[in-house]
Protein backbone atom coordinates (compact mmCIF):
# COMPACT_ATOMS: atom_id res chain seq x y z
CA MET A 1 86.57 105.72 18.27
CA MET A 2 86.12 102.89 20.76
CA PRO A 3 84.72 103.96 24.17
CA ILE A 4 87.22 103.83 27.05
CA GLN A 5 85.15 101.22 28.91
CA ALA A 6 85.02 98.95 25.85
CA MET A 7 88.76 99.39 25.33
CA THR A 8 89.38 98.45 28.97
CA GLN A 9 87.19 95.36 28.72
CA GLN A 10 88.91 94.29 25.52
CA ALA A 11 92.37 94.90 26.94
CA THR A 12 91.68 92.93 30.10
CA ARG A 13 89.72 90.13 28.45
CA HIS A 14 92.66 87.72 28.44
CA ALA A 15 93.13 88.27 32.17
CA ARG A 16 89.45 87.82 32.98
CA ARG A 17 89.16 84.45 31.27
CA VAL A 18 89.62 81.40 33.47
CA PHE A 19 91.08 78.08 32.47
CA SER A 20 87.92 76.06 33.00
CA GLY A 21 86.02 78.39 30.68
CA TYR A 22 88.71 78.06 28.02
CA PHE A 23 88.60 74.29 28.49
CA PHE A 24 84.84 74.17 27.86
CA SER A 25 85.14 76.46 24.84
CA GLN A 26 87.79 74.24 23.27
CA VAL A 27 85.80 71.07 23.93
CA MET A 28 82.56 72.55 22.57
CA ALA A 29 84.37 73.50 19.37
CA ALA A 30 85.89 70.01 19.09
CA VAL A 31 82.53 68.18 19.32
CA GLY A 32 80.73 70.62 17.01
CA GLY A 33 78.62 72.15 19.77
CA ASN A 34 79.21 75.81 18.83
CA THR A 35 75.79 76.15 17.24
CA ALA A 36 75.57 79.91 17.82
CA GLY A 37 78.42 80.51 15.38
CA PRO A 38 82.18 81.07 15.59
CA GLY A 39 83.80 82.22 18.80
CA ASP A 40 83.69 81.09 22.42
CA ALA A 41 80.59 79.21 23.56
CA VAL A 42 81.36 80.21 27.17
CA VAL A 43 80.57 83.78 28.23
CA ASN A 44 81.03 83.61 31.99
CA VAL A 45 82.49 81.32 34.66
CA TYR A 46 82.14 81.37 38.43
CA ILE A 47 84.43 79.10 40.47
CA ASN A 48 84.04 78.28 44.15
CA HIS A 49 87.50 77.02 45.07
CA GLU A 50 86.52 76.20 48.65
CA LYS A 51 83.62 73.91 47.70
CA LYS A 52 85.27 72.75 44.47
CA PHE A 53 82.54 73.49 41.94
CA ALA A 54 81.96 75.95 39.13
CA PHE A 55 79.12 77.46 37.12
CA VAL A 56 79.81 77.85 33.40
CA GLU A 57 77.44 80.19 31.54
CA MET A 58 77.04 79.50 27.83
CA ARG A 59 76.00 82.10 25.25
CA SER A 60 72.88 80.16 24.13
CA VAL A 61 70.36 77.68 25.53
CA GLU A 62 71.17 75.22 22.76
CA GLU A 63 74.89 75.27 23.54
CA ALA A 64 74.17 74.79 27.25
CA SER A 65 72.14 71.68 26.39
CA ASP A 66 74.97 70.42 24.17
CA ALA A 67 77.38 70.95 27.07
CA MET A 68 75.37 68.45 29.13
CA SER A 69 76.78 65.70 26.90
CA LEU A 70 80.25 66.45 28.32
CA ASP A 71 79.40 64.79 31.63
CA GLU A 72 82.30 62.58 32.84
CA ILE A 73 84.81 64.15 30.45
CA ILE A 74 88.35 63.77 31.80
CA PHE A 75 90.00 67.01 32.94
CA GLU A 76 93.49 66.89 34.47
CA GLY A 77 93.11 63.16 35.11
CA ALA A 78 89.69 63.27 36.80
CA PRO A 79 86.11 62.99 35.45
CA VAL A 80 84.09 66.21 35.49
CA LYS A 81 80.43 66.02 36.48
CA VAL A 82 78.23 68.31 34.39
CA ARG A 83 74.79 69.01 35.84
CA ARG A 84 72.03 71.59 35.57
CA PRO A 85 71.99 74.21 38.36
CA SER A 86 69.48 73.91 41.19
CA ASP A 87 67.32 76.73 39.78
CA TYR A 88 66.97 75.05 36.36
CA ASN A 89 63.33 75.07 35.21
CA PRO A 90 62.77 72.33 32.58
CA SER A 91 59.31 73.60 31.59
CA LEU A 92 60.49 77.14 31.02
CA ALA A 93 63.71 76.01 29.35
CA ALA A 94 61.78 73.90 26.83
CA SER A 95 60.22 77.07 25.42
CA LEU A 96 63.60 78.75 25.03
CA GLY A 97 65.45 76.13 23.00
CA PRO A 98 66.54 72.47 22.86
CA SER A 99 66.73 70.89 26.32
CA HIS A 100 68.74 67.84 25.23
CA PRO A 101 72.14 67.58 23.51
CA SER A 102 72.21 67.33 19.74
CA PRO A 103 72.53 63.71 18.55
CA HIS A 104 75.00 64.92 15.91
CA LEU A 105 77.79 65.94 18.32
CA ASN A 106 81.15 64.31 17.64
CA LEU A 107 81.77 63.16 21.22
CA ALA A 108 84.40 60.67 20.08
CA ALA A 109 86.65 63.66 19.32
CA VAL A 110 87.07 64.22 23.06
CA GLY A 111 87.02 60.58 24.15
CA LEU A 112 83.35 60.32 25.11
CA THR A 113 80.82 57.69 24.08
CA PRO A 114 77.31 58.82 23.05
CA GLY A 115 74.78 57.70 25.66
CA ALA A 116 77.45 57.08 28.29
CA SER A 117 76.12 59.22 31.13
CA GLY A 118 74.48 62.18 29.42
CA GLY A 119 70.78 62.25 28.51
CA LEU A 120 69.68 61.32 32.02
CA GLU A 121 67.22 64.14 32.54
CA GLY A 122 63.47 63.92 32.19
CA PRO A 123 60.52 61.90 33.50
CA ASP A 124 61.66 58.56 32.02
CA ARG A 125 64.84 58.18 34.06
CA ILE A 126 65.03 54.72 35.63
CA PHE A 127 66.59 53.94 39.00
CA VAL A 128 68.41 50.59 39.00
CA GLY A 129 69.10 49.55 42.59
CA GLY A 130 70.34 46.39 44.27
CA LEU A 131 73.21 45.78 41.85
CA PRO A 132 76.03 43.65 43.31
CA TYR A 133 79.10 45.69 44.20
CA TYR A 134 81.21 43.57 41.86
CA CYS A 135 78.94 44.47 38.92
CA THR A 136 80.79 46.24 36.10
CA GLU A 137 79.42 48.93 33.80
CA LEU A 138 79.55 46.49 30.88
CA GLN A 139 77.50 43.88 32.77
CA ALA A 140 74.88 46.42 33.83
CA ARG A 141 74.59 47.88 30.34
CA GLU A 142 74.25 44.42 28.75
CA LEU A 143 71.39 43.61 31.11
CA LEU A 144 69.55 46.88 30.44
CA GLU A 145 70.23 46.97 26.70
CA SER A 146 68.57 43.58 26.25
CA PHE A 147 65.35 45.64 26.16
CA GLY A 148 66.58 48.41 23.86
CA ALA A 149 69.27 51.00 23.17
CA LEU A 150 70.12 53.43 25.97
CA LYS A 151 70.15 57.19 25.56
CA GLY A 152 71.89 57.68 28.90
CA PHE A 153 73.52 55.54 31.57
CA ASP A 154 75.30 56.32 34.84
CA LEU A 155 76.85 53.71 37.12
CA VAL A 156 77.09 55.70 40.36
CA LYS A 157 80.42 55.68 42.18
CA ASP A 158 81.67 57.29 45.37
CA ARG A 159 83.32 60.62 44.58
CA GLU A 160 86.16 60.10 47.04
CA THR A 161 86.99 56.40 46.67
CA GLY A 162 85.72 55.65 43.16
CA ASN A 163 83.97 52.53 44.49
CA PHE A 164 80.66 51.46 42.93
CA LYS A 165 77.72 52.35 45.22
CA GLY A 166 75.38 49.55 44.09
CA TYR A 167 72.97 51.51 41.92
CA ALA A 168 72.71 53.18 38.53
CA PHE A 169 70.42 55.36 36.40
CA CYS A 170 69.44 54.92 32.78
CA VAL A 171 67.15 56.31 30.09
CA TYR A 172 66.06 54.37 27.00
CA GLN A 173 66.11 55.92 23.54
CA ASP A 174 62.61 54.53 23.00
CA VAL A 175 60.59 55.65 26.03
CA ALA A 176 58.01 52.95 25.27
CA VAL A 177 60.56 50.43 26.55
CA THR A 178 60.72 52.05 30.00
CA ASP A 179 57.71 50.35 31.63
CA ILE A 180 58.50 47.02 29.95
CA ALA A 181 62.06 46.97 31.29
CA CYS A 182 60.97 48.02 34.79
CA ALA A 183 58.32 45.29 34.97
CA ALA A 184 60.67 42.60 33.66
CA LEU A 185 63.73 43.44 35.76
CA ASN A 186 62.24 44.52 39.08
CA GLY A 187 62.66 41.82 41.71
CA ILE A 188 64.98 39.51 39.76
CA LYS A 189 68.08 38.06 41.39
CA MET A 190 71.55 39.15 40.32
CA GLY A 191 74.14 37.27 42.31
CA ASP A 192 73.18 37.61 45.97
CA LYS A 193 71.18 40.80 45.37
CA THR A 194 67.59 41.54 44.33
CA LEU A 195 67.14 44.31 41.77
CA THR A 196 64.86 47.25 42.48
CA ILE A 197 63.88 48.99 39.24
CA TYR A 198 61.50 51.92 38.90
CA VAL A 199 61.05 55.24 37.12
CA HIS A 200 62.89 57.72 39.30
CA VAL A 201 61.43 61.19 39.72
CA GLN A 202 63.11 63.62 42.11
CA VAL A 203 61.57 66.82 43.41
CA PHE A 204 63.68 69.12 45.57
CA LEU A 205 61.97 71.58 47.90
CA LYS A 206 63.93 74.20 49.80
CA TYR A 207 62.19 75.80 52.78
CA GLY A 208 63.05 78.99 54.60
CA ASP A 209 63.40 77.31 57.99
CA THR A 210 63.92 73.86 59.50
CA ASP A 211 60.45 73.75 61.07
CA GLY A 212 58.81 74.12 57.66
CA SER A 213 60.97 71.43 56.09
CA SER A 214 60.33 69.06 59.01
CA ARG A 215 56.55 69.50 58.73
CA ALA A 216 56.70 68.98 54.97
CA ARG A 217 58.73 65.80 55.34
CA SER A 218 56.32 64.38 57.92
CA GLY A 219 53.30 65.29 55.81
CA MET A 220 54.56 63.91 52.50
CA ASN A 221 56.54 60.82 53.46
CA GLY A 222 54.60 57.62 52.78
CA ARG A 223 51.75 59.27 50.86
CA LYS A 224 50.58 57.79 47.57
CA PHE A 225 50.93 59.87 44.42
CA GLY A 226 50.18 58.57 40.94
CA GLY A 227 50.17 55.02 42.26
CA ASN A 228 53.63 55.42 43.81
CA GLU A 229 54.66 55.96 47.40
CA VAL A 230 56.45 59.23 48.18
CA VAL A 231 59.78 58.90 49.98
CA ALA A 232 60.59 62.26 51.58
CA VAL A 233 64.07 62.67 53.04
CA PHE A 234 66.34 65.51 54.06
CA TYR A 235 69.06 66.25 51.52
CA PRO A 236 72.42 67.91 52.28
CA GLU A 237 72.12 71.60 51.44
CA GLU A 238 75.71 71.78 50.22
CA LYS A 239 75.12 69.01 47.66
CA PHE A 240 71.89 70.67 46.53
CA ASP A 241 73.61 74.03 46.02
CA GLN A 242 76.34 72.34 43.98
CA GLY A 243 73.80 70.61 41.75
CA GLU A 244 74.86 67.17 42.95
CA TYR A 245 71.67 65.13 42.96
CA GLY A 246 72.05 61.54 44.10
CA ALA A 247 69.51 58.76 44.44
């Protein structure tokens, strides 16, 4: 006999599922990302309607990594940004399972192009700044791909207006190309702009009070680390909590 609690959970399951979770489950099945077997890849969803973001919990680490490839998928006419949460620990996650999407996913089944904007995590992410505002995604990709195939690319646009913000991020499939591309492209002219290209590493630190964060910013800003100058700035707490990490 099934316990009363289990019966209640089973009976109310349809009412406890939310549309965004169902959406992710359907998409994961379509691209072949259900690596943990048949059934729903999504086990839990939290939605903050006021701040307009959601956390989708997958049933396995591998399926969560596969879900990262769904960045920019169109949902109800608008692109959905898929990011890791602010407490994501890459070092710890690497010991638990794959940290990057499988290259064998059928992204074309849901209208996505492999290497479009996914695959942008890791230490080899390149910041491409100083792009003219009239620059198209095709033009930027052609310039960058002259050095090798891209694993990930993101032409950053304003969330409200959709206008290009003048910079992009990319990751090469062959990481050996990274330094070559940076050295060759940094400082060149593109229209009336000068490109600024460098490997972009972000570290977010959250302090318990404003005094601590102010002292940390003053102490770190301008210091040299690994041959590079540290740029320490305050970042909007709301964006950080939503996992929205800009340049």
